[in-house]
N, C-alpha and C. Protein backbone atom coordinates (compact mmCIF):
# COMPACT_ATOMS: atom_id res chain seq x y z
N MET A 1 0.44 -1.20 -0.37
CA MET A 1 -0.02 0.04 -0.09
C MET A 1 0.50 0.87 -0.19
N ALA A 2 0.12 2.05 -1.19
CA ALA A 2 1.70 3.61 -1.61
C ALA A 2 0.91 4.35 0.73
N GLN A 3 1.25 5.07 0.87
CA GLN A 3 1.38 6.02 2.14
C GLN A 3 1.87 6.77 1.26
N LEU A 4 0.58 8.29 1.97
CA LEU A 4 0.63 9.60 1.48
C LEU A 4 1.35 10.09 2.37
N GLY A 5 1.87 11.10 1.88
CA GLY A 5 4.05 11.70 2.24
C GLY A 5 4.87 11.00 2.18
N LYS A 6 4.96 9.32 1.56
CA LYS A 6 6.82 9.12 1.84
C LYS A 6 6.90 9.14 0.54
N ARG A 7 7.90 8.37 0.79
CA ARG A 7 9.12 8.83 -0.66
C ARG A 7 9.74 7.27 -0.85
N TYR A 8 9.05 6.85 -1.77
CA TYR A 8 9.74 5.56 -2.20
C TYR A 8 11.43 6.04 -3.13
N LYS A 9 12.58 4.33 -3.16
CA LYS A 9 13.69 4.65 -4.08
C LYS A 9 13.16 3.47 -4.94
N CYS A 10 13.86 4.01 -5.93
CA CYS A 10 14.46 2.19 -6.49
C CYS A 10 16.26 2.74 -6.02
N GLU A 11 16.30 0.91 -6.10
CA GLU A 11 17.76 0.80 -5.47
C GLU A 11 18.17 0.07 -7.09
N GLU A 12 18.10 0.03 -7.67
CA GLU A 12 19.10 -0.02 -9.37
C GLU A 12 19.42 0.82 -9.56
N CYS A 13 18.41 1.99 -9.80
CA CYS A 13 18.49 3.32 -11.07
C CYS A 13 18.57 4.10 -10.18
N GLY A 14 18.10 4.08 -8.47
CA GLY A 14 18.36 5.68 -7.87
C GLY A 14 16.50 6.58 -7.71
N THR A 15 16.36 6.46 -9.33
CA THR A 15 14.50 7.00 -9.03
C THR A 15 12.98 7.21 -8.03
N GLU A 16 13.11 8.93 -7.34
CA GLU A 16 12.59 8.32 -5.89
C GLU A 16 11.76 9.18 -6.61
N VAL A 17 10.64 8.56 -5.82
CA VAL A 17 9.47 9.29 -5.78
C VAL A 17 8.64 9.46 -4.41
N LEU A 18 7.76 10.75 -4.47
CA LEU A 18 7.53 11.10 -3.84
C LEU A 18 5.23 10.59 -3.56
N CYS A 19 4.34 10.10 -2.51
CA CYS A 19 3.88 9.45 -2.80
C CYS A 19 2.75 11.02 -2.36
N THR A 20 2.42 11.38 -3.15
CA THR A 20 0.29 12.36 -2.74
C THR A 20 -0.40 12.04 -2.51
N LYS A 21 -0.29 10.16 -3.08
CA LYS A 21 -2.29 10.55 -2.83
C LYS A 21 -2.13 8.66 -2.87
N GLY A 22 -2.60 8.28 -1.72
CA GLY A 22 -2.64 7.09 -0.47
C GLY A 22 -3.48 5.97 -1.59
N GLY A 23 -3.31 4.14 -1.46
CA GLY A 23 -4.46 4.00 -1.61
C GLY A 23 -3.56 2.53 -2.15
N GLU A 24 -4.31 1.65 -2.72
CA GLU A 24 -3.70 0.47 -2.93
C GLU A 24 -2.21 0.55 -3.91
N GLY A 25 -1.64 -1.05 -3.87
CA GLY A 25 -1.12 -1.48 -5.16
C GLY A 25 0.73 -0.72 -4.76
N THR A 26 0.96 -0.73 -5.49
CA THR A 26 3.39 -0.67 -5.31
C THR A 26 3.50 0.26 -6.27
N PHE A 27 4.95 0.60 -5.98
CA PHE A 27 5.33 1.36 -6.89
C PHE A 27 6.35 0.80 -7.47
N VAL A 28 6.57 0.00 -8.59
CA VAL A 28 7.03 -0.49 -8.97
C VAL A 28 8.79 0.85 -10.53
N CYS A 29 9.82 -0.05 -10.10
CA CYS A 29 10.52 0.65 -11.34
C CYS A 29 11.84 -0.39 -11.90
N CYS A 30 11.99 -0.10 -12.42
CA CYS A 30 13.31 -1.41 -13.22
C CYS A 30 12.98 -3.15 -13.09
N ASP A 31 11.02 -3.02 -12.85
CA ASP A 31 10.94 -4.27 -12.96
C ASP A 31 10.85 -4.80 -11.94
N LYS A 32 10.93 -4.30 -10.58
CA LYS A 32 11.10 -4.57 -9.08
C LYS A 32 10.32 -2.92 -8.28
N GLU A 33 9.99 -3.77 -6.88
CA GLU A 33 9.37 -3.20 -6.57
C GLU A 33 9.81 -1.90 -5.50
N MET A 34 9.73 -0.05 -5.97
CA MET A 34 10.16 0.55 -5.35
C MET A 34 10.60 -0.01 -3.68
N LYS A 35 11.80 0.84 -2.54
CA LYS A 35 11.25 1.06 -1.37
C LYS A 35 11.05 2.00 -0.72
N LEU A 36 10.35 1.35 0.79
CA LEU A 36 10.27 3.01 1.16
C LEU A 36 11.46 3.58 2.30
N GLN A 37 11.96 4.40 1.47
CA GLN A 37 13.24 5.13 2.48
C GLN A 37 13.28 6.01 4.03
N GLU A 38 13.38 5.67 4.53
CA GLU A 38 13.53 5.99 6.31
C GLU A 38 14.17 7.45 6.90
N PRO A 39 13.32 7.66 6.94
CA PRO A 39 13.59 8.99 7.47
C PRO A 39 15.23 9.62 7.86
N LYS A 40 15.90 10.89 7.00
CA LYS A 40 17.24 10.99 7.44
C LYS A 40 16.88 11.64 8.89
N PRO A 41 18.41 10.94 9.95
CA PRO A 41 18.17 11.75 11.33
C PRO A 41 18.87 13.14 11.00
N LEU A 42 17.77 13.62 12.17
CA LEU A 42 18.29 15.55 12.41
C LEU A 42 19.63 15.06 13.11
N PRO A 43 20.61 17.02 13.07
CA PRO A 43 21.49 16.41 13.60
C PRO A 43 21.67 16.95 15.03
N SER A 44 21.97 16.49 16.41
CA SER A 44 22.07 17.16 16.83
C SER A 44 22.81 18.11 17.21
N SER A 45 22.26 19.13 18.39
CA SER A 45 22.17 20.78 18.64
C SER A 45 23.02 21.33 20.11
N ASP A 46 23.79 20.22 20.15
CA ASP A 46 24.72 19.29 21.71
C ASP A 46 25.31 21.01 21.48
């Protein structure tokens, strides 16, 4: 299921997709399912 506001990336070619409308199904690129990207950690403000 595609999640609204999440980014997906193709590990084969590096294409990134931002989901603007959630729904059933998956993103596919280079004949492989795209992986959900994890959020980048924020730098500490020590």
